[in-house]
N, C-alpha and C. Protein backbone atom coordinates (compact mmCIF):
# COMPACT_ATOMS: atom_id res chain seq x y z
N MET A 1 56.06 -118.68 -121.73
CA MET A 1 56.09 -117.58 -121.73
C MET A 1 57.43 -116.97 -122.23
N GLU A 2 57.34 -116.02 -123.39
CA GLU A 2 58.07 -115.44 -124.38
C GLU A 2 58.38 -114.01 -123.55
N ILE A 3 59.35 -113.56 -123.12
CA ILE A 3 59.44 -112.05 -122.72
C ILE A 3 60.70 -111.52 -123.80
N LYS A 4 60.08 -110.36 -124.47
CA LYS A 4 60.61 -109.64 -125.28
C LYS A 4 61.38 -108.13 -125.30
N LEU A 5 62.34 -107.92 -125.16
CA LEU A 5 63.01 -106.77 -125.48
C LEU A 5 62.41 -105.25 -126.25
N LEU A 6 61.28 -105.29 -125.78
CA LEU A 6 60.33 -104.29 -126.85
C LEU A 6 59.92 -103.16 -126.57
N SER A 7 59.50 -102.07 -126.67
CA SER A 7 59.27 -101.09 -125.88
C SER A 7 57.54 -101.68 -125.21
N ALA A 8 56.91 -101.44 -124.25
CA ALA A 8 55.90 -101.81 -123.61
C ALA A 8 55.13 -100.88 -122.91
N SER A 9 53.82 -101.24 -122.50
CA SER A 9 53.16 -100.66 -121.84
C SER A 9 52.24 -101.42 -120.32
N TYR A 10 52.59 -100.77 -119.16
CA TYR A 10 52.13 -101.51 -118.34
C TYR A 10 50.73 -100.72 -117.69
N LEU A 11 49.72 -101.79 -117.36
CA LEU A 11 48.20 -101.30 -117.20
C LEU A 11 48.20 -101.55 -115.55
N LEU A 12 47.79 -100.72 -115.13
CA LEU A 12 47.78 -100.41 -113.48
C LEU A 12 46.62 -100.13 -113.26
N GLN A 13 46.30 -101.48 -112.75
CA GLN A 13 44.36 -101.23 -112.26
C GLN A 13 44.25 -100.98 -110.92
N GLN A 14 43.63 -100.06 -110.08
CA GLN A 14 43.67 -100.20 -108.76
C GLN A 14 42.06 -99.40 -108.67
N HIS A 15 41.41 -99.42 -107.92
CA HIS A 15 39.83 -98.88 -107.67
C HIS A 15 38.92 -98.32 -109.21
N GLY A 16 39.25 -99.51 -109.83
CA GLY A 16 38.50 -99.26 -111.08
C GLY A 16 39.21 -98.22 -112.21
N TRP A 17 40.40 -97.82 -111.84
CA TRP A 17 40.99 -96.70 -112.63
C TRP A 17 42.26 -97.52 -113.12
N VAL A 18 42.32 -97.44 -114.66
CA VAL A 18 43.74 -97.84 -115.00
C VAL A 18 44.85 -97.30 -115.83
N LEU A 19 45.88 -97.25 -115.10
CA LEU A 19 46.83 -96.09 -115.44
C LEU A 19 47.82 -96.83 -116.42
N LEU A 20 48.17 -96.01 -117.36
CA LEU A 20 49.42 -96.35 -118.61
C LEU A 20 50.68 -95.94 -118.22
N ILE A 21 51.56 -96.83 -117.76
CA ILE A 21 52.65 -96.45 -117.64
C ILE A 21 53.90 -97.20 -118.35
N PRO A 22 54.62 -96.42 -119.41
CA PRO A 22 55.36 -96.77 -120.26
C PRO A 22 56.67 -97.76 -119.51
N LEU A 23 57.22 -98.88 -119.92
CA LEU A 23 58.07 -99.21 -119.54
C LEU A 23 59.14 -99.99 -120.67
N SER A 24 60.30 -100.66 -120.36
CA SER A 24 61.17 -101.04 -121.67
C SER A 24 61.07 -102.53 -121.54
N VAL A 25 60.48 -103.41 -120.87
CA VAL A 25 60.38 -104.90 -121.23
C VAL A 25 59.04 -105.32 -121.25
N THR A 26 58.49 -106.01 -122.10
CA THR A 26 57.37 -106.59 -122.53
C THR A 26 57.10 -108.33 -122.54
N SER A 27 56.11 -108.58 -121.95
CA SER A 27 55.67 -110.12 -122.00
C SER A 27 54.45 -110.46 -122.41
N SER A 28 53.74 -111.03 -123.24
CA SER A 28 52.78 -111.20 -123.76
C SER A 28 51.97 -112.07 -122.68
N SER A 29 50.72 -111.30 -122.76
CA SER A 29 49.84 -111.52 -121.73
C SER A 29 50.29 -111.97 -120.20
N LEU A 30 51.17 -111.44 -119.90
CA LEU A 30 51.64 -111.51 -118.66
C LEU A 30 50.72 -110.98 -117.35
N LEU A 31 50.18 -111.27 -116.61
CA LEU A 31 49.69 -110.34 -115.31
C LEU A 31 50.29 -111.02 -114.21
N LEU A 32 50.64 -109.87 -113.57
CA LEU A 32 51.37 -109.94 -112.22
C LEU A 32 50.05 -109.27 -110.76
N THR A 33 49.76 -109.80 -110.32
CA THR A 33 48.60 -109.64 -109.44
C THR A 33 49.67 -109.56 -107.95
N PHE A 34 49.04 -108.84 -106.84
CA PHE A 34 49.61 -108.38 -105.85
C PHE A 34 48.49 -108.52 -104.87
N PRO A 35 49.10 -109.45 -104.49
CA PRO A 35 47.96 -110.33 -102.66
C PRO A 35 48.33 -109.39 -101.37
N GLY A 36 47.55 -108.90 -100.58
CA GLY A 36 48.06 -108.30 -99.70
C GLY A 36 47.54 -106.73 -99.64
N TRP A 37 47.21 -105.91 -100.98
CA TRP A 37 47.07 -104.79 -101.03
C TRP A 37 45.68 -104.41 -100.66
N ALA A 38 45.69 -104.01 -99.44
CA ALA A 38 44.50 -103.73 -98.71
C ALA A 38 43.16 -103.33 -99.38
N GLN A 39 42.19 -104.28 -99.49
CA GLN A 39 40.54 -103.57 -100.46
C GLN A 39 40.67 -103.24 -101.90
N THR A 40 42.05 -103.89 -102.21
CA THR A 40 42.41 -103.42 -103.72
C THR A 40 42.39 -104.49 -104.92
N ASN A 41 42.14 -104.22 -105.91
CA ASN A 41 42.13 -105.75 -106.86
C ASN A 41 43.35 -104.91 -108.09
N THR A 42 44.12 -104.89 -107.58
CA THR A 42 45.41 -104.82 -107.95
C THR A 42 46.34 -105.33 -108.79
N SER A 43 46.34 -105.28 -110.45
CA SER A 43 47.28 -105.73 -111.17
C SER A 43 48.01 -105.25 -112.09
N LEU A 44 48.96 -106.09 -112.71
CA LEU A 44 49.90 -105.22 -113.98
C LEU A 44 50.00 -106.28 -114.89
N GLN A 45 49.40 -105.43 -116.17
CA GLN A 45 49.86 -106.62 -116.93
C GLN A 45 50.30 -105.85 -118.49
N ALA A 46 50.85 -106.59 -119.30
CA ALA A 46 52.21 -106.01 -120.23
C ALA A 46 51.38 -106.25 -121.58
N GLU A 47 51.10 -105.12 -122.42
CA GLU A 47 50.97 -105.27 -123.59
C GLU A 47 52.19 -104.88 -124.66
N GLU A 48 52.09 -105.19 -125.66
CA GLU A 48 53.22 -105.07 -126.75
C GLU A 48 52.28 -103.92 -127.57
N SER A 49 52.87 -102.67 -127.19
CA SER A 49 52.56 -101.38 -128.09
C SER A 49 53.59 -100.54 -127.35
N LEU A 50 53.68 -99.15 -128.55
CA LEU A 50 54.83 -97.76 -128.14
C LEU A 50 53.69 -96.99 -127.42
N VAL A 51 54.11 -96.50 -126.44
CA VAL A 51 53.21 -95.74 -125.87
C VAL A 51 54.60 -94.48 -125.40
N SER A 52 54.17 -93.09 -125.77
CA SER A 52 54.91 -92.12 -125.50
C SER A 52 55.21 -91.73 -123.61
N SER A 53 56.01 -91.32 -123.22
CA SER A 53 56.46 -91.05 -121.82
C SER A 53 55.44 -90.03 -121.06
N GLN A 54 54.47 -89.06 -121.89
CA GLN A 54 53.56 -88.50 -121.22
C GLN A 54 52.00 -88.93 -121.71
N GLU A 55 51.88 -90.01 -122.11
CA GLU A 55 50.77 -90.35 -122.15
C GLU A 55 50.21 -91.28 -121.02
N LEU A 56 49.14 -90.86 -120.49
CA LEU A 56 48.44 -91.19 -119.10
C LEU A 56 46.98 -91.46 -119.40
N THR A 57 46.63 -92.71 -119.63
CA THR A 57 45.50 -92.64 -120.08
C THR A 57 44.35 -93.57 -119.21
N GLU A 58 43.18 -93.36 -118.87
CA GLU A 58 42.20 -93.82 -118.54
C GLU A 58 41.84 -94.91 -119.36
N LEU A 59 41.78 -96.25 -119.03
CA LEU A 59 41.23 -97.32 -120.26
C LEU A 59 39.96 -98.43 -119.69
N ASP A 60 39.63 -98.81 -120.56
CA ASP A 60 38.31 -99.97 -120.23
C ASP A 60 39.00 -100.82 -118.93
N THR A 61 38.60 -101.12 -118.00
CA THR A 61 38.78 -102.03 -116.88
C THR A 61 38.46 -103.57 -117.29
N SER A 62 37.08 -103.71 -117.91
CA SER A 62 36.85 -104.95 -118.50
C SER A 62 37.54 -105.68 -118.94
N SER A 63 38.44 -105.25 -120.12
CA SER A 63 39.43 -106.15 -120.52
C SER A 63 40.48 -106.52 -119.82
N LEU A 64 40.74 -105.92 -118.92
CA LEU A 64 41.71 -106.30 -117.49
C LEU A 64 41.26 -107.16 -116.77
N MET A 65 39.86 -107.11 -116.76
CA MET A 65 39.29 -108.12 -115.28
C MET A 65 39.09 -109.48 -116.40
N ALA A 66 38.98 -109.57 -117.63
CA ALA A 66 39.02 -110.66 -118.43
C ALA A 66 40.46 -111.53 -118.61
N ALA A 67 41.35 -110.58 -118.34
CA ALA A 67 42.41 -110.82 -118.61
C ALA A 67 43.24 -112.06 -117.32
N GLN A 68 42.28 -111.54 -116.01
CA GLN A 68 43.07 -112.09 -114.97
C GLN A 68 42.42 -114.02 -115.43
N ASP A 69 41.67 -114.17 -116.48
CA ASP A 69 41.22 -115.57 -116.19
C ASP A 69 42.26 -116.58 -117.29
N GLN A 70 43.15 -115.81 -117.75
CA GLN A 70 44.18 -116.04 -118.83
C GLN A 70 44.87 -117.21 -117.80
N GLU A 71 45.87 -118.20 -118.71
CA GLU A 71 46.57 -119.29 -118.07
C GLU A 71 47.73 -118.93 -117.70
N GLU A 72 48.62 -117.94 -118.24
CA GLU A 72 49.69 -117.15 -117.42
C GLU A 72 49.47 -116.45 -116.34
N HIS A 73 49.92 -116.62 -115.34
CA HIS A 73 49.40 -115.93 -114.31
C HIS A 73 50.84 -115.85 -113.34
N LEU A 74 51.22 -114.81 -112.87
CA LEU A 74 52.49 -114.90 -112.01
C LEU A 74 52.19 -114.02 -110.59
N GLU A 75 52.47 -114.45 -109.55
CA GLU A 75 52.27 -114.03 -108.41
C GLU A 75 53.51 -113.05 -107.84
N ALA A 76 53.04 -111.80 -107.67
CA ALA A 76 54.57 -110.76 -107.39
C ALA A 76 54.70 -110.04 -106.34
N THR A 77 55.13 -109.70 -105.69
CA THR A 77 55.13 -108.45 -104.76
C THR A 77 55.49 -107.17 -105.09
N PRO A 78 54.48 -106.10 -104.02
CA PRO A 78 55.00 -104.71 -104.86
C PRO A 78 56.45 -104.31 -104.98
N HIS A 79 56.97 -104.58 -104.25
CA HIS A 79 58.40 -104.39 -104.52
C HIS A 79 59.33 -104.74 -105.58
N SER A 80 58.82 -106.06 -106.25
CA SER A 80 59.70 -106.47 -107.20
C SER A 80 58.84 -106.54 -108.52
N ALA A 81 57.95 -106.00 -108.50
CA ALA A 81 57.28 -105.70 -109.69
C ALA A 81 57.75 -105.09 -110.84
N ILE A 82 58.08 -103.66 -110.25
CA ILE A 82 58.64 -102.86 -111.23
C ILE A 82 60.31 -102.27 -111.01
N SER A 83 61.37 -102.47 -111.52
CA SER A 83 62.51 -101.78 -111.08
C SER A 83 63.19 -100.75 -112.19
N LEU A 84 63.14 -99.76 -111.99
CA LEU A 84 62.97 -98.64 -113.02
C LEU A 84 64.40 -98.33 -112.99
N LYS A 85 65.55 -98.64 -112.24
CA LYS A 85 66.78 -98.25 -111.84
C LYS A 85 67.65 -99.76 -112.11
N ASN A 86 68.63 -100.23 -112.84
CA ASN A 86 69.82 -100.97 -112.80
C ASN A 86 71.34 -100.37 -112.71
N ASN A 87 71.39 -99.92 -111.91
CA ASN A 87 72.52 -99.00 -111.77
C ASN A 87 74.23 -99.81 -111.04
N ASP A 88 74.89 -99.87 -111.18
CA ASP A 88 76.49 -100.73 -110.58
C ASP A 88 76.56 -99.77 -109.87
N LEU A 89 76.68 -99.41 -108.41
CA LEU A 89 76.96 -98.73 -107.52
C LEU A 89 78.61 -99.03 -106.70
N THR A 90 79.16 -97.92 -107.24
CA THR A 90 80.45 -98.45 -106.20
C THR A 90 80.94 -97.25 -105.47
N VAL A 91 81.58 -97.05 -104.53
CA VAL A 91 82.60 -96.23 -103.39
C VAL A 91 84.06 -96.53 -103.50
N PRO A 92 84.37 -95.48 -103.12
CA PRO A 92 86.46 -95.53 -102.78
C PRO A 92 86.28 -96.58 -101.45
N SER A 93 87.52 -96.97 -101.56
CA SER A 93 87.77 -97.67 -100.87
C SER A 93 88.42 -97.14 -99.34
N SER A 94 88.23 -97.86 -98.16
CA SER A 94 88.85 -97.00 -97.08
C SER A 94 90.40 -96.90 -96.83
N ASN A 95 91.29 -95.88 -96.35
CA ASN A 95 91.88 -96.04 -95.46
C ASN A 95 92.56 -95.27 -94.49
N GLY A 96 91.31 -95.50 -93.88
CA GLY A 96 91.29 -94.83 -92.24
C GLY A 96 91.13 -93.41 -92.22
N GLU A 97 90.43 -92.27 -93.16
CA GLU A 97 90.71 -91.33 -93.23
C GLU A 97 89.21 -91.02 -92.26
N VAL A 98 89.45 -89.79 -91.88
CA VAL A 98 88.23 -89.05 -90.79
C VAL A 98 87.38 -88.00 -91.99
N ILE A 99 86.33 -88.45 -92.06
CA ILE A 99 85.26 -87.35 -92.69
C ILE A 99 85.29 -86.12 -91.95
N SER A 100 85.93 -84.76 -93.08
CA SER A 100 85.70 -83.55 -92.45
C SER A 100 84.37 -82.89 -92.69
N ASP A 101 83.65 -83.19 -93.76
CA ASP A 101 82.74 -82.80 -94.25
C ASP A 101 81.55 -83.72 -95.54
N ILE A 102 80.31 -83.74 -95.68
CA ILE A 102 79.95 -84.19 -96.62
C ILE A 102 78.63 -83.14 -97.20
N GLN A 103 79.23 -83.34 -98.65
CA GLN A 103 78.61 -82.14 -99.85
C GLN A 103 77.81 -83.00 -100.28
N VAL A 104 76.63 -82.48 -100.74
CA VAL A 104 75.92 -82.90 -101.74
C VAL A 104 75.92 -81.94 -102.99
N ARG A 105 76.47 -82.65 -104.58
CA ARG A 105 76.45 -81.94 -105.60
C ARG A 105 75.19 -82.41 -106.28
N PHE A 106 74.42 -81.57 -106.78
CA PHE A 106 73.60 -81.97 -107.74
C PHE A 106 74.17 -81.49 -109.48
N VAL A 107 73.61 -82.53 -110.27
CA VAL A 107 74.08 -82.36 -111.75
C VAL A 107 72.69 -82.93 -112.37
N ASN A 108 72.88 -82.21 -113.72
CA ASN A 108 71.69 -82.43 -114.87
C ASN A 108 72.42 -83.53 -115.65
N GLY A 109 71.61 -83.94 -116.56
CA GLY A 109 72.12 -85.36 -117.16
C GLY A 109 73.17 -85.54 -117.91
N ASP A 110 73.92 -84.23 -118.25
CA ASP A 110 75.25 -84.23 -118.69
C ASP A 110 76.10 -84.26 -117.85
N GLY A 111 75.76 -84.31 -116.80
CA GLY A 111 76.87 -84.21 -115.46
C GLY A 111 77.53 -82.73 -114.87
N GLU A 112 76.80 -81.68 -115.57
CA GLU A 112 77.05 -80.25 -115.34
C GLU A 112 76.24 -79.73 -114.19
N PRO A 113 76.76 -79.11 -113.15
CA PRO A 113 76.37 -78.51 -111.85
C PRO A 113 75.32 -77.97 -112.04
N ILE A 114 74.07 -78.32 -111.33
CA ILE A 114 73.10 -77.35 -111.07
C ILE A 114 72.58 -77.31 -109.96
N GLU A 115 71.46 -76.33 -109.72
CA GLU A 115 70.94 -76.12 -108.11
C GLU A 115 70.01 -77.19 -107.98
N GLY A 116 70.13 -77.95 -106.94
CA GLY A 116 69.03 -78.90 -106.89
C GLY A 116 67.82 -78.61 -106.32
N ASN A 117 66.49 -79.34 -106.48
CA ASN A 117 65.45 -79.10 -105.70
C ASN A 117 65.17 -79.63 -104.33
N THR A 118 66.02 -80.56 -104.13
CA THR A 118 65.98 -81.43 -102.84
C THR A 118 67.26 -80.81 -101.96
N LYS A 119 66.59 -80.83 -100.56
CA LYS A 119 67.52 -80.75 -99.16
C LYS A 119 68.76 -81.53 -99.08
N ASP A 120 69.86 -80.93 -98.91
CA ASP A 120 70.76 -81.54 -98.63
C ASP A 120 70.73 -82.55 -97.69
N GLU A 121 69.57 -82.44 -96.72
CA GLU A 121 69.35 -82.98 -95.40
C GLU A 121 68.73 -84.34 -95.76
N ILE A 122 67.90 -84.47 -97.10
CA ILE A 122 67.13 -85.84 -97.40
C ILE A 122 67.92 -86.64 -98.04
N ILE A 123 69.25 -86.08 -98.53
CA ILE A 123 70.42 -86.99 -99.17
C ILE A 123 71.29 -87.69 -97.95
N THR A 124 71.62 -86.48 -97.35
CA THR A 124 72.44 -87.12 -96.39
C THR A 124 72.19 -87.91 -94.98
N ARG A 125 70.69 -87.86 -94.51
CA ARG A 125 70.43 -88.75 -93.74
C ARG A 125 70.34 -90.19 -94.16
N GLU A 126 70.51 -90.22 -95.34
CA GLU A 126 70.45 -92.03 -95.81
C GLU A 126 71.66 -92.18 -95.43
N PHE A 127 72.82 -91.62 -95.01
CA PHE A 127 74.25 -92.33 -94.75
C PHE A 127 74.08 -92.74 -93.21
N ASP A 128 74.85 -93.59 -92.72
CA ASP A 128 75.21 -93.78 -91.35
C ASP A 128 76.69 -93.26 -91.02
N LEU A 129 77.23 -92.34 -91.78
CA LEU A 129 78.34 -91.54 -91.73
C LEU A 129 78.01 -90.52 -91.47
N HIS A 130 79.01 -89.35 -90.59
CA HIS A 130 79.05 -88.25 -90.72
C HIS A 130 80.08 -87.37 -90.18
N SER A 131 80.12 -86.36 -90.09
CA SER A 131 81.30 -85.27 -90.12
C SER A 131 81.95 -85.83 -89.13
N GLY A 132 83.35 -85.93 -88.90
CA GLY A 132 83.74 -86.80 -87.79
C GLY A 132 84.11 -88.28 -87.54
N ASP A 133 83.33 -88.71 -88.68
CA ASP A 133 83.48 -90.43 -88.55
C ASP A 133 84.69 -90.59 -89.37
N VAL A 134 84.92 -91.90 -88.89
CA VAL A 134 86.01 -92.96 -89.91
C VAL A 134 85.75 -93.05 -90.98
N TYR A 135 85.84 -92.98 -92.33
CA TYR A 135 85.14 -93.25 -93.83
C TYR A 135 84.95 -94.67 -93.67
N ASP A 136 84.01 -95.46 -93.80
CA ASP A 136 83.54 -96.59 -94.13
C ASP A 136 82.89 -97.27 -94.96
N SER A 137 83.81 -97.77 -95.84
CA SER A 137 83.11 -97.85 -97.49
C SER A 137 81.91 -98.88 -97.20
N ASP A 138 81.85 -99.75 -96.60
CA ASP A 138 80.38 -100.30 -96.43
C ASP A 138 79.07 -99.53 -96.41
N LEU A 139 79.33 -98.85 -94.87
CA LEU A 139 78.09 -97.85 -94.41
C LEU A 139 78.21 -96.92 -95.65
N ALA A 140 79.29 -96.45 -96.76
CA ALA A 140 79.28 -95.73 -97.77
C ALA A 140 78.47 -96.14 -98.68
N LEU A 141 78.53 -97.23 -99.27
CA LEU A 141 77.76 -98.40 -100.29
C LEU A 141 76.30 -98.18 -99.77
N GLU A 142 75.94 -98.78 -98.55
CA GLU A 142 74.85 -98.59 -97.91
C GLU A 142 74.11 -97.62 -98.01
N GLY A 143 74.27 -96.44 -97.77
CA GLY A 143 73.79 -94.99 -97.74
C GLY A 143 73.49 -94.81 -99.05
N LEU A 144 74.68 -95.01 -100.24
CA LEU A 144 74.36 -94.64 -101.42
C LEU A 144 73.44 -95.47 -102.21
N GLU A 145 73.28 -96.61 -101.70
CA GLU A 145 72.37 -97.48 -102.40
C GLU A 145 70.76 -96.99 -101.92
N ARG A 146 70.88 -96.45 -100.61
CA ARG A 146 69.46 -95.73 -99.84
C ARG A 146 69.30 -94.66 -100.99
N VAL A 147 70.10 -93.69 -101.05
CA VAL A 147 69.73 -92.72 -101.93
C VAL A 147 69.74 -93.08 -103.45
N ASP A 148 70.17 -94.04 -104.03
CA ASP A 148 69.81 -94.11 -105.39
C ASP A 148 68.49 -94.79 -105.49
N GLU A 149 67.93 -95.57 -104.39
CA GLU A 149 66.35 -96.10 -104.68
C GLU A 149 65.54 -95.20 -104.32
N MET A 150 65.91 -93.91 -103.85
CA MET A 150 64.91 -92.74 -103.85
C MET A 150 64.41 -92.51 -105.34
N PHE A 151 62.64 -92.66 -105.32
CA PHE A 151 62.09 -92.11 -106.21
C PHE A 151 62.46 -90.92 -107.01
N ILE A 152 63.04 -89.72 -106.54
CA ILE A 152 63.19 -88.85 -106.93
C ILE A 152 64.60 -88.37 -107.48
N ILE A 153 65.50 -89.48 -107.54
CA ILE A 153 66.81 -89.59 -107.88
C ILE A 153 67.02 -90.36 -109.18
N LYS A 154 67.40 -89.79 -109.78
CA LYS A 154 67.63 -90.49 -111.12
C LYS A 154 68.82 -91.61 -111.14
N GLN A 155 69.91 -90.95 -110.92
CA GLN A 155 71.33 -91.74 -110.45
C GLN A 155 72.37 -90.92 -109.32
N ALA A 156 72.79 -91.61 -108.57
CA ALA A 156 73.94 -90.89 -107.37
C ALA A 156 75.30 -91.55 -107.65
N SER A 157 76.24 -90.93 -107.36
CA SER A 157 77.45 -91.20 -106.90
C SER A 157 78.30 -90.75 -105.93
N LEU A 158 79.55 -91.60 -105.42
CA LEU A 158 79.93 -90.56 -104.22
C LEU A 158 81.45 -91.01 -104.62
N THR A 159 82.07 -89.93 -104.20
CA THR A 159 83.47 -89.76 -104.16
C THR A 159 83.97 -89.22 -103.05
N LEU A 160 85.48 -89.20 -102.65
CA LEU A 160 86.03 -88.56 -101.84
C LEU A 160 87.25 -87.48 -102.17
N GLU A 161 87.15 -86.51 -101.91
CA GLU A 161 88.39 -85.28 -102.10
C GLU A 161 89.18 -85.40 -100.88
N PRO A 162 90.39 -85.03 -101.00
CA PRO A 162 91.11 -84.85 -99.89
C PRO A 162 90.86 -83.69 -99.39
N ALA A 163 91.22 -83.64 -97.85
CA ALA A 163 91.25 -82.35 -96.77
C ALA A 163 92.24 -82.32 -96.52
N ALA A 164 92.28 -81.60 -95.03
CA ALA A 164 93.74 -81.48 -94.25
C ALA A 164 93.97 -82.47 -93.63
N ASP A 165 95.18 -83.18 -93.66
CA ASP A 165 95.69 -84.19 -92.60
C ASP A 165 95.01 -85.31 -92.39
N ASP A 166 94.90 -86.26 -93.19
CA ASP A 166 94.14 -87.63 -93.17
C ASP A 166 92.61 -87.49 -93.08
N GLN A 167 92.29 -86.33 -93.72
CA GLN A 167 90.84 -86.19 -93.59
C GLN A 167 90.17 -86.08 -95.00
N VAL A 168 88.94 -86.29 -95.45
CA VAL A 168 88.60 -86.09 -96.95
C VAL A 168 87.10 -85.67 -96.66
N VAL A 169 86.58 -85.33 -97.72
CA VAL A 169 85.27 -84.58 -97.65
C VAL A 169 84.57 -85.64 -98.65
N MET A 170 83.55 -86.11 -98.20
CA MET A 170 82.78 -87.22 -98.77
C MET A 170 81.74 -86.23 -99.83
N VAL A 171 81.79 -86.76 -100.89
CA VAL A 171 81.05 -85.92 -101.59
C VAL A 171 79.84 -87.07 -102.54
N VAL A 172 78.22 -86.62 -102.43
CA VAL A 172 77.53 -87.28 -103.02
C VAL A 172 76.94 -86.43 -104.27
N THR A 173 77.31 -86.77 -105.36
CA THR A 173 76.83 -86.10 -106.42
C THR A 173 75.45 -86.92 -106.69
N VAL A 174 74.34 -86.06 -107.10
CA VAL A 174 72.68 -86.65 -107.34
C VAL A 174 72.34 -85.76 -108.69
N ASP A 175 71.78 -86.70 -109.57
CA ASP A 175 71.12 -86.34 -110.78
C ASP A 175 69.61 -86.64 -110.61
N GLU A 176 68.93 -85.61 -110.10
CA GLU A 176 67.28 -85.63 -110.10
C GLU A 176 66.53 -85.74 -111.20
N ARG A 177 65.24 -86.54 -110.74
CA ARG A 177 64.16 -86.72 -111.90
C ARG A 177 63.65 -85.49 -111.84
N ASP A 178 63.17 -85.37 -112.94
CA ASP A 178 62.21 -84.41 -113.24
C ASP A 178 60.79 -84.31 -111.99
N SER A 179 60.65 -82.71 -111.81
CA SER A 179 59.75 -82.76 -110.58
C SER A 179 58.00 -83.05 -111.18
N PHE A 180 58.11 -83.51 -112.14
CA PHE A 180 56.71 -84.32 -112.41
C PHE A 180 56.90 -85.59 -113.04
N PHE A 181 57.63 -86.65 -112.53
CA PHE A 181 58.10 -87.81 -112.80
C PHE A 181 57.23 -88.66 -111.85
N PHE A 182 56.63 -89.64 -112.63
CA PHE A 182 55.36 -90.53 -111.61
C PHE A 182 56.54 -91.74 -111.91
N SER A 183 56.53 -92.50 -110.83
CA SER A 183 56.61 -93.66 -110.50
C SER A 183 55.94 -94.71 -109.58
N PHE A 184 56.10 -95.67 -109.77
CA PHE A 184 55.12 -96.82 -109.07
C PHE A 184 56.00 -98.24 -108.91
N GLY A 185 56.05 -98.57 -107.75
CA GLY A 185 56.61 -99.78 -107.40
C GLY A 185 58.24 -99.62 -106.86
N ASN A 186 58.78 -98.41 -106.40
CA ASN A 186 59.95 -98.51 -106.29
C ASN A 186 60.07 -97.25 -105.26
N THR A 187 60.09 -98.61 -104.08
CA THR A 187 60.29 -97.67 -102.69
C THR A 187 61.81 -97.43 -102.32
């Protein structure tokens, strides 16, 4: 099986519907099935084609059913099937500072500040750190990873800003996805 770095479309078949979802990696005749999904016949197939991100099409399911008989067959779990992010996340190191405040700042794709659609609490609840806690870079990284994995978040970063006497403000900067973004397999 040869995996090519081409534009691709993935076909998702569930309950007799097939949805066209554009992704960036393709494989010739690769069929991924997900055992254990309740009462469904769910599969993912890669096809070599160029698809616009707005295109969402119902397709003929009989061709997909026939593809299940092909030789190249790979078992996968729903969580590992599609990864839409590949961000290297880092957080500042710890010097024993106390967190005086945790702030969430929303930015657009160019890094310019905007008003976000997500409540700050949705972001801050992913961290096991709170105001008054000693900053712990391991806990901060774990929380940042959880924020970055949220389907509503395109990218997230964390910085520390100095505050009064051995205290810092933990700032989580978030670039949200568009309101009408559709994602599958990224929980």
